[in-house]
Amino acid sequence: MAYVISDACISCGACAGECPTEAIKEGDGMYVIDAGTCIDCGACAGTCPVEAIKEG
């Protein structure tokens, strides 16, 4: 199951740089994860300073 970014996202971009498949893109006021590209590795979750990324 792909990871998801909650509304707690502060748009810092830390997660996008850690994603090996470039599944994370800047959306409208927050970053979003493309579920079709996400490989469920969790690399992004550990970099989020506000813990906005969880397994979806």
N, C-alpha and C. Protein backbone atom coordinates (compact mmCIF):
# COMPACT_ATOMS: atom_id res chain seq x y z
N MET A 1 0.84 -1.18 0.00
CA MET A 1 0.00 0.00 0.00
C MET A 1 0.89 1.25 0.00
N ALA A 2 0.60 2.18 -0.84
CA ALA A 2 1.41 3.39 -0.98
C ALA A 2 1.32 4.28 0.25
N TYR A 3 2.34 5.08 0.45
CA TYR A 3 2.33 6.07 1.52
C TYR A 3 1.49 7.26 1.09
N VAL A 4 0.98 8.01 2.08
CA VAL A 4 0.19 9.20 1.81
C VAL A 4 0.69 10.34 2.69
N ILE A 5 0.48 11.56 2.22
CA ILE A 5 0.87 12.75 2.97
C ILE A 5 -0.40 13.42 3.47
N SER A 6 -0.45 13.67 4.78
CA SER A 6 -1.64 14.27 5.38
C SER A 6 -1.62 15.80 5.26
N ASP A 7 -2.70 16.41 5.72
CA ASP A 7 -2.82 17.86 5.71
C ASP A 7 -1.82 18.54 6.64
N ALA A 8 -1.13 17.77 7.46
CA ALA A 8 -0.11 18.34 8.35
C ALA A 8 1.14 18.78 7.59
N CYS A 9 1.23 18.44 6.31
CA CYS A 9 2.37 18.79 5.47
C CYS A 9 2.64 20.29 5.49
N ILE A 10 3.90 20.67 5.69
CA ILE A 10 4.28 22.09 5.71
C ILE A 10 5.00 22.50 4.43
N SER A 11 4.97 21.65 3.43
CA SER A 11 5.58 21.92 2.11
C SER A 11 7.07 22.25 2.17
N CYS A 12 7.79 21.55 3.02
CA CYS A 12 9.24 21.79 3.13
C CYS A 12 10.02 21.11 2.01
N GLY A 13 9.47 20.04 1.44
CA GLY A 13 10.11 19.34 0.33
C GLY A 13 11.15 18.31 0.73
N ALA A 14 11.36 18.10 2.01
CA ALA A 14 12.37 17.13 2.46
C ALA A 14 12.09 15.73 1.92
N CYS A 15 10.84 15.36 1.85
CA CYS A 15 10.46 14.02 1.41
C CYS A 15 10.76 13.79 -0.08
N ALA A 16 10.53 14.78 -0.89
CA ALA A 16 10.69 14.63 -2.35
C ALA A 16 12.11 14.23 -2.73
N GLY A 17 13.08 14.78 -2.06
CA GLY A 17 14.47 14.47 -2.36
C GLY A 17 14.88 13.07 -1.97
N GLU A 18 14.15 12.45 -1.08
CA GLU A 18 14.47 11.10 -0.61
C GLU A 18 13.78 9.99 -1.39
N CYS A 19 12.80 10.33 -2.20
CA CYS A 19 12.03 9.31 -2.91
C CYS A 19 12.83 8.75 -4.10
N PRO A 20 13.13 7.45 -4.09
CA PRO A 20 13.93 6.86 -5.18
C PRO A 20 13.20 6.75 -6.51
N THR A 21 11.86 6.87 -6.49
CA THR A 21 11.09 6.75 -7.73
C THR A 21 10.49 8.08 -8.18
N GLU A 22 10.82 9.15 -7.47
CA GLU A 22 10.29 10.49 -7.77
C GLU A 22 8.76 10.51 -7.79
N ALA A 23 8.16 9.79 -6.84
CA ALA A 23 6.70 9.71 -6.74
C ALA A 23 6.10 10.90 -6.01
N ILE A 24 6.93 11.73 -5.39
CA ILE A 24 6.43 12.85 -4.60
C ILE A 24 6.61 14.14 -5.38
N LYS A 25 5.50 14.85 -5.52
CA LYS A 25 5.50 16.11 -6.26
C LYS A 25 4.80 17.19 -5.44
N GLU A 26 5.14 18.44 -5.72
CA GLU A 26 4.49 19.55 -5.04
C GLU A 26 3.08 19.71 -5.58
N GLY A 27 2.12 19.72 -4.68
CA GLY A 27 0.72 19.89 -5.07
C GLY A 27 0.22 21.26 -4.68
N ASP A 28 -1.06 21.37 -4.47
CA ASP A 28 -1.69 22.63 -4.11
C ASP A 28 -1.57 22.86 -2.61
N GLY A 29 -0.51 23.54 -2.19
CA GLY A 29 -0.30 23.85 -0.78
C GLY A 29 0.37 22.76 0.03
N MET A 30 0.61 21.62 -0.58
CA MET A 30 1.30 20.52 0.11
C MET A 30 1.85 19.54 -0.92
N TYR A 31 2.70 18.65 -0.49
CA TYR A 31 3.24 17.64 -1.39
C TYR A 31 2.29 16.46 -1.46
N VAL A 32 2.31 15.74 -2.58
CA VAL A 32 1.45 14.57 -2.76
C VAL A 32 2.29 13.40 -3.29
N ILE A 33 1.85 12.19 -3.00
CA ILE A 33 2.53 10.98 -3.45
C ILE A 33 1.67 10.30 -4.50
N ASP A 34 2.26 10.00 -5.64
CA ASP A 34 1.57 9.26 -6.70
C ASP A 34 1.57 7.79 -6.31
N ALA A 35 0.40 7.28 -5.97
CA ALA A 35 0.27 5.89 -5.50
C ALA A 35 0.73 4.88 -6.54
N GLY A 36 0.62 5.20 -7.80
CA GLY A 36 1.03 4.28 -8.85
C GLY A 36 2.53 4.18 -9.01
N THR A 37 3.24 5.19 -8.54
CA THR A 37 4.70 5.21 -8.66
C THR A 37 5.39 4.81 -7.36
N CYS A 38 4.71 5.02 -6.24
CA CYS A 38 5.27 4.71 -4.91
C CYS A 38 5.55 3.21 -4.80
N ILE A 39 6.75 2.86 -4.32
CA ILE A 39 7.12 1.45 -4.15
C ILE A 39 7.03 1.02 -2.68
N ASP A 40 6.44 1.85 -1.84
CA ASP A 40 6.19 1.51 -0.43
C ASP A 40 7.49 1.26 0.35
N CYS A 41 8.54 2.02 0.03
CA CYS A 41 9.82 1.81 0.71
C CYS A 41 9.91 2.55 2.04
N GLY A 42 9.15 3.65 2.20
CA GLY A 42 9.15 4.39 3.46
C GLY A 42 10.29 5.37 3.63
N ALA A 43 11.12 5.55 2.62
CA ALA A 43 12.25 6.46 2.73
C ALA A 43 11.80 7.88 3.04
N CYS A 44 10.67 8.27 2.52
CA CYS A 44 10.15 9.62 2.71
C CYS A 44 9.68 9.87 4.14
N ALA A 45 9.06 8.87 4.74
CA ALA A 45 8.45 9.02 6.06
C ALA A 45 9.46 9.45 7.12
N GLY A 46 10.64 8.92 7.07
CA GLY A 46 11.66 9.25 8.06
C GLY A 46 12.22 10.65 7.93
N THR A 47 12.00 11.30 6.81
CA THR A 47 12.55 12.64 6.61
C THR A 47 11.57 13.75 6.95
N CYS A 48 10.31 13.42 7.15
CA CYS A 48 9.28 14.44 7.39
C CYS A 48 9.40 15.00 8.82
N PRO A 49 9.66 16.31 8.94
CA PRO A 49 9.83 16.90 10.28
C PRO A 49 8.54 17.00 11.09
N VAL A 50 7.38 16.88 10.43
CA VAL A 50 6.11 16.96 11.15
C VAL A 50 5.32 15.65 11.13
N GLU A 51 5.99 14.58 10.70
CA GLU A 51 5.40 13.23 10.65
C GLU A 51 4.07 13.20 9.90
N ALA A 52 4.03 13.89 8.73
CA ALA A 52 2.82 13.95 7.92
C ALA A 52 2.68 12.79 6.96
N ILE A 53 3.69 11.91 6.88
CA ILE A 53 3.66 10.81 5.92
C ILE A 53 3.44 9.49 6.65
N LYS A 54 2.40 8.80 6.23
CA LYS A 54 2.03 7.52 6.84
C LYS A 54 1.71 6.51 5.76
N GLU A 55 1.74 5.24 6.13
CA GLU A 55 1.32 4.19 5.19
C GLU A 55 -0.18 4.37 4.97
N GLY A 56 -0.55 4.34 3.68
CA GLY A 56 -1.96 4.61 3.34
C GLY A 56 -2.76 3.39 3.22
